[in-house]
Amino acid sequence: MNPGQSNQGRSSGTQPAGTHSEQEAAENVRAMFGRIAPRYDLLNHLLSGSLDRVWRARTARRFAHILGRPGARVLDLCCGTGDLTLALGKAGRNCRIVGSDFAHPMLTRALEKTQRAAGQTLYVEADALTMPFVEGSFDLITTAFGFRNLANYERGLAEIRRLLGPGGEVGLLEFCEPSGRLIGPLYRAYFRHVLPRIGGSISGDAAAYEYLPASVARFPEPEDLTGQMERAGFRSVTFVRWSWGTVALHTARK
């Protein structure tokens, strides 16, 4: 995509190859993440040069004012194997933290890691679009590289807003395509050609690591996601790019 090109017309949610409905997309994503769970952490660290650890730690620090409150209620949505959940737990040891994902094998690994870290996090297997919590259940909702995989972004934002209490905050950490003349082409070459080969070889699932760059290319750019969040009723929406513009953290308040 050229700098300044609009994201209008992009999918309202993720759309893996061969899917034709939101239900098919969700089922495809659930099965895919279930298959790659055994090598997911290894590949995250390898393919990002361990920057994924840095991004999650920065996200946790960004919400230190909430995590520092005794009894704060925190939801890590689409938590995967729990890396951000654990980072949040380290930053807020007196919080009540819930990690949620709809891919059971990912949650199994998250629970194993949390037990080794002597964590007190509760894990819930649930779809991010229809969460089993009452309105206003949380003071903070985060998600790291999971929102992009929802079958409907508008419904996802609406559900996040429903789950937040008054004044509650949200943090969406996602990949984005840098627009610089040097970094942009290098990033796209790596993401579209090198990453799928390495990821497919190690995980044994080439389709999963072909999906990753395709999903990033389809995902709204930070400015467009900001607009979507504002239309969903969030306030004080802002974002910051990290690592040469390859990831962005969006924050907002209900």
Protein backbone atom coordinates (compact mmCIF):
# COMPACT_ATOMS: atom_id res chain seq x y z
CA MET A 1 0.00 0.00 0.00
CA ASN A 2 1.32 3.43 -0.88
CA PRO A 3 1.73 6.04 1.86
CA GLY A 4 -1.52 7.92 2.31
CA GLN A 5 -3.62 5.30 0.55
CA SER A 6 -6.95 4.77 2.33
CA ASN A 7 -7.90 1.55 4.06
CA GLN A 8 -11.53 2.01 3.16
CA GLY A 9 -12.90 -1.09 1.52
CA ARG A 10 -10.75 -3.44 3.59
CA SER A 11 -12.46 -6.34 5.28
CA SER A 12 -14.60 -5.68 8.36
CA GLY A 13 -12.64 -8.54 9.94
CA THR A 14 -10.04 -11.14 9.16
CA GLN A 15 -10.66 -13.30 6.12
CA PRO A 16 -8.29 -16.25 5.74
CA ALA A 17 -7.93 -17.66 2.22
CA GLY A 18 -10.85 -19.83 1.22
CA THR A 19 -13.30 -18.46 3.81
CA HIS A 20 -16.51 -16.74 2.79
CA SER A 21 -18.26 -15.83 6.05
CA GLU A 22 -17.44 -14.63 9.54
CA GLN A 23 -18.17 -18.07 10.94
CA GLU A 24 -15.81 -19.74 8.47
CA ALA A 25 -13.14 -17.15 9.21
CA ALA A 26 -13.42 -17.70 12.97
CA GLU A 27 -13.32 -21.48 12.64
CA ASN A 28 -10.30 -21.27 10.34
CA VAL A 29 -8.40 -19.01 12.75
CA ARG A 30 -9.26 -21.18 15.77
CA ALA A 31 -8.03 -24.33 14.04
CA MET A 32 -4.89 -22.62 12.71
CA PHE A 33 -3.77 -21.32 16.11
CA GLY A 34 -4.53 -24.69 17.63
CA ARG A 35 -2.17 -26.34 15.15
CA ILE A 36 0.74 -23.94 15.65
CA ALA A 37 0.49 -23.69 19.45
CA PRO A 38 3.46 -26.04 20.12
CA ARG A 39 5.90 -23.78 18.22
CA TYR A 40 4.10 -20.46 18.68
CA ASP A 41 6.35 -18.96 21.36
CA LEU A 42 9.56 -20.10 19.70
CA LEU A 43 8.57 -18.55 16.40
CA ASN A 44 7.30 -15.32 17.97
CA HIS A 45 10.67 -14.73 19.61
CA LEU A 46 12.70 -15.93 16.64
CA LEU A 47 10.86 -14.04 13.91
CA SER A 48 10.73 -10.78 15.86
CA GLY A 49 14.29 -10.98 17.16
CA SER A 50 12.70 -11.14 20.65
CA LEU A 51 11.22 -7.66 20.17
CA ASP A 52 7.83 -9.17 20.95
CA ARG A 53 8.95 -9.40 24.59
CA VAL A 54 9.85 -5.70 24.55
CA TRP A 55 6.51 -4.69 23.02
CA ARG A 56 4.53 -6.59 25.63
CA ALA A 57 6.59 -5.18 28.50
CA ARG A 58 6.07 -1.64 27.16
CA THR A 59 2.34 -2.27 26.92
CA ALA A 60 2.21 -3.38 30.55
CA ARG A 61 4.19 -0.31 31.65
CA ARG A 62 1.80 1.95 29.73
CA PHE A 63 -1.00 0.85 32.04
CA ALA A 64 0.97 0.92 35.30
CA HIS A 65 -1.50 3.46 36.71
CA ILE A 66 -4.24 0.83 36.52
CA LEU A 67 -2.15 -2.26 37.24
CA GLY A 68 -0.87 -0.62 40.39
CA ARG A 69 -4.35 -0.45 41.92
CA PRO A 70 -5.08 -3.27 44.37
CA GLY A 71 -7.98 -5.29 43.05
CA ALA A 72 -7.95 -3.81 39.56
CA ARG A 73 -9.87 -6.01 37.14
CA VAL A 74 -7.90 -6.81 33.96
CA LEU A 75 -8.77 -8.85 30.87
CA ASP A 76 -6.14 -9.94 28.35
CA LEU A 77 -8.27 -10.70 25.31
CA CYS A 78 -7.07 -13.18 22.65
CA CYS A 79 -4.27 -13.97 25.08
CA GLY A 80 -2.78 -16.86 23.11
CA THR A 81 -0.04 -18.54 25.13
CA GLY A 82 -0.20 -15.83 27.78
CA ASP A 83 2.93 -13.73 27.25
CA LEU A 84 1.14 -10.40 27.67
CA THR A 85 -0.99 -11.86 30.46
CA LEU A 86 2.19 -12.73 32.36
CA ALA A 87 3.69 -9.29 31.69
CA LEU A 88 0.55 -7.68 33.09
CA GLY A 89 0.75 -9.94 36.14
CA LYS A 90 4.32 -8.91 36.85
CA ALA A 91 3.36 -5.24 36.65
CA GLY A 92 0.25 -5.63 38.78
CA ARG A 93 0.68 -8.36 41.35
CA ASN A 94 -2.42 -7.34 43.28
CA CYS A 95 -4.69 -7.25 40.23
CA ARG A 96 -7.34 -9.74 39.27
CA ILE A 97 -6.26 -10.83 35.78
CA VAL A 98 -8.20 -12.95 33.32
CA GLY A 99 -6.68 -14.31 30.12
CA SER A 100 -9.09 -15.38 27.41
CA ASP A 101 -8.73 -17.12 24.06
CA PHE A 102 -10.88 -19.40 21.93
CA ALA A 103 -8.06 -21.78 20.86
CA HIS A 104 -7.82 -24.44 23.57
CA PRO A 105 -4.22 -25.56 22.80
CA MET A 106 -3.02 -21.96 23.21
CA LEU A 107 -4.73 -21.67 26.59
CA THR A 108 -3.20 -24.96 27.71
CA ARG A 109 0.26 -23.56 27.11
CA ALA A 110 -0.65 -20.27 28.80
CA LEU A 111 -1.79 -22.13 31.90
CA GLU A 112 1.42 -24.18 32.01
CA LYS A 113 3.55 -21.03 31.81
CA THR A 114 1.50 -19.25 34.46
CA GLN A 115 1.78 -22.17 36.88
CA ARG A 116 5.57 -22.24 36.43
CA ALA A 117 5.62 -18.52 37.21
CA ALA A 118 3.43 -19.08 40.30
CA GLY A 119 0.81 -16.78 38.83
CA GLN A 120 -2.78 -16.36 40.02
CA THR A 121 -4.31 -15.62 36.62
CA LEU A 122 -7.63 -17.16 35.65
CA TYR A 123 -7.96 -18.42 32.07
CA VAL A 124 -11.26 -18.62 30.23
CA GLU A 125 -11.90 -20.27 26.86
CA ALA A 126 -14.23 -17.90 25.02
CA ASP A 127 -14.84 -16.09 21.74
CA ALA A 128 -13.78 -12.43 21.91
CA LEU A 129 -17.00 -11.39 20.14
CA THR A 130 -19.29 -12.99 22.74
CA MET A 131 -17.58 -12.94 26.11
CA PRO A 132 -19.23 -14.58 29.16
CA PHE A 133 -18.94 -11.53 31.43
CA VAL A 134 -21.48 -8.93 32.47
CA GLU A 135 -21.27 -5.33 31.34
CA GLY A 136 -18.61 -3.25 33.09
CA SER A 137 -16.61 -6.21 34.41
CA PHE A 138 -13.12 -4.79 33.81
CA ASP A 139 -10.99 -1.72 34.43
CA LEU A 140 -8.51 -2.59 31.68
CA ILE A 141 -8.69 -4.73 28.55
CA THR A 142 -5.61 -5.49 26.48
CA THR A 143 -4.84 -7.61 23.47
CA ALA A 144 -1.52 -8.27 21.74
CA PHE A 145 -1.60 -9.31 18.08
CA GLY A 146 -5.02 -10.88 18.54
CA PHE A 147 -7.53 -8.20 17.60
CA ARG A 148 -6.42 -8.44 13.96
CA ASN A 149 -7.67 -12.04 13.89
CA LEU A 150 -11.27 -11.25 14.84
CA ALA A 151 -13.91 -12.01 12.26
CA ASN A 152 -15.56 -8.62 12.81
CA TYR A 153 -13.62 -5.62 14.15
CA GLU A 154 -16.69 -3.48 14.79
CA ARG A 155 -18.29 -6.18 16.94
CA GLY A 156 -14.98 -6.71 18.70
CA LEU A 157 -14.73 -3.05 19.67
CA ALA A 158 -18.36 -3.04 20.80
CA GLU A 159 -17.74 -6.06 23.02
CA ILE A 160 -14.63 -4.48 24.54
CA ARG A 161 -16.59 -1.32 25.30
CA ARG A 162 -19.41 -3.35 26.85
CA LEU A 163 -16.98 -5.15 29.15
CA LEU A 164 -15.23 -1.99 30.38
CA GLY A 165 -16.48 -0.14 33.41
CA PRO A 166 -16.86 3.67 33.39
CA GLY A 167 -13.45 5.21 32.77
CA GLY A 168 -12.01 1.82 31.86
CA GLU A 169 -9.17 1.70 29.37
CA VAL A 170 -8.16 -0.47 26.43
CA GLY A 171 -4.82 -1.22 24.79
CA LEU A 172 -4.65 -2.81 21.33
CA LEU A 173 -1.13 -3.86 20.28
CA GLU A 174 -0.93 -4.81 16.61
CA PHE A 175 1.39 -5.10 13.66
CA CYS A 176 1.25 -2.40 10.99
CA GLU A 177 3.05 -1.76 7.74
CA PRO A 178 5.71 0.98 7.92
CA SER A 179 5.59 3.56 5.15
CA GLY A 180 9.23 4.68 5.02
CA ARG A 181 10.98 4.43 1.68
CA LEU A 182 13.67 2.15 3.10
CA ILE A 183 11.96 0.36 6.00
CA GLY A 184 8.67 -0.21 4.17
CA PRO A 185 10.05 -2.30 1.29
CA LEU A 186 12.43 -4.20 3.59
CA TYR A 187 9.63 -4.98 6.02
CA ARG A 188 7.30 -6.20 3.29
CA ALA A 189 10.01 -8.34 1.70
CA TYR A 190 10.77 -9.98 5.04
CA PHE A 191 7.14 -10.34 6.10
CA ARG A 192 5.88 -11.71 2.79
CA HIS A 193 8.79 -13.91 1.69
CA VAL A 194 11.26 -14.71 4.48
CA LEU A 195 8.91 -15.01 7.48
CA PRO A 196 6.48 -17.47 5.82
CA ARG A 197 9.33 -19.78 4.83
CA ILE A 198 10.91 -19.84 8.29
CA GLY A 199 7.58 -20.05 10.08
CA GLY A 200 6.23 -22.74 7.80
CA SER A 201 9.39 -24.81 8.05
CA ILE A 202 9.59 -24.77 11.85
CA SER A 203 5.87 -25.02 12.59
CA GLY A 204 5.07 -27.46 9.81
CA ASP A 205 2.13 -25.24 8.84
CA ALA A 206 3.00 -23.06 5.85
CA ALA A 207 -0.55 -21.73 5.51
CA ALA A 208 -0.47 -20.21 9.01
CA TYR A 209 2.61 -18.15 8.26
CA GLU A 210 1.28 -17.11 4.88
CA TYR A 211 -1.86 -15.92 6.68
CA LEU A 212 0.15 -13.66 9.01
CA PRO A 213 1.47 -11.15 6.42
CA ALA A 214 -1.82 -11.28 4.51
CA SER A 215 -3.77 -10.43 7.66
CA VAL A 216 -1.48 -7.50 8.45
CA ALA A 217 -1.84 -6.14 4.91
CA ARG A 218 -5.64 -6.25 5.26
CA PHE A 219 -5.74 -4.74 8.73
CA PRO A 220 -6.64 -1.03 9.12
CA GLU A 221 -3.70 1.32 9.40
CA PRO A 222 -3.32 3.05 12.79
CA GLU A 223 -5.09 6.23 11.66
CA ASP A 224 -8.05 4.22 10.38
CA LEU A 225 -8.26 2.04 13.47
CA THR A 226 -8.28 5.24 15.53
CA GLY A 227 -11.36 6.36 13.59
CA GLN A 228 -13.06 3.00 14.10
CA MET A 229 -12.46 3.20 17.85
CA GLU A 230 -13.87 6.71 18.03
CA ARG A 231 -16.97 5.65 16.10
CA ALA A 232 -17.36 2.74 18.52
CA GLY A 233 -17.69 5.27 21.34
CA PHE A 234 -14.19 5.34 22.80
CA ARG A 235 -12.63 8.60 23.96
CA SER A 236 -9.06 9.90 24.16
CA VAL A 237 -8.04 7.50 21.39
CA THR A 238 -4.36 7.68 20.54
CA PHE A 239 -1.62 5.46 19.21
CA VAL A 240 2.15 5.21 19.22
CA ARG A 241 4.28 3.36 16.70
CA TRP A 242 7.30 1.33 17.81
CA SER A 243 10.21 -0.40 16.11
CA TRP A 244 10.41 1.69 12.94
CA GLY A 245 6.64 1.75 12.62
CA THR A 246 6.14 -2.02 12.44
CA VAL A 247 3.82 -2.19 15.46
CA ALA A 248 1.37 0.23 17.04
CA LEU A 249 -0.24 0.43 20.46
CA HIS A 250 -3.68 2.03 20.45
CA THR A 251 -5.03 3.25 23.77
CA ALA A 252 -8.45 4.66 24.62
CA ARG A 253 -10.93 5.19 27.43
CA LYS A 254 -14.60 4.32 27.76
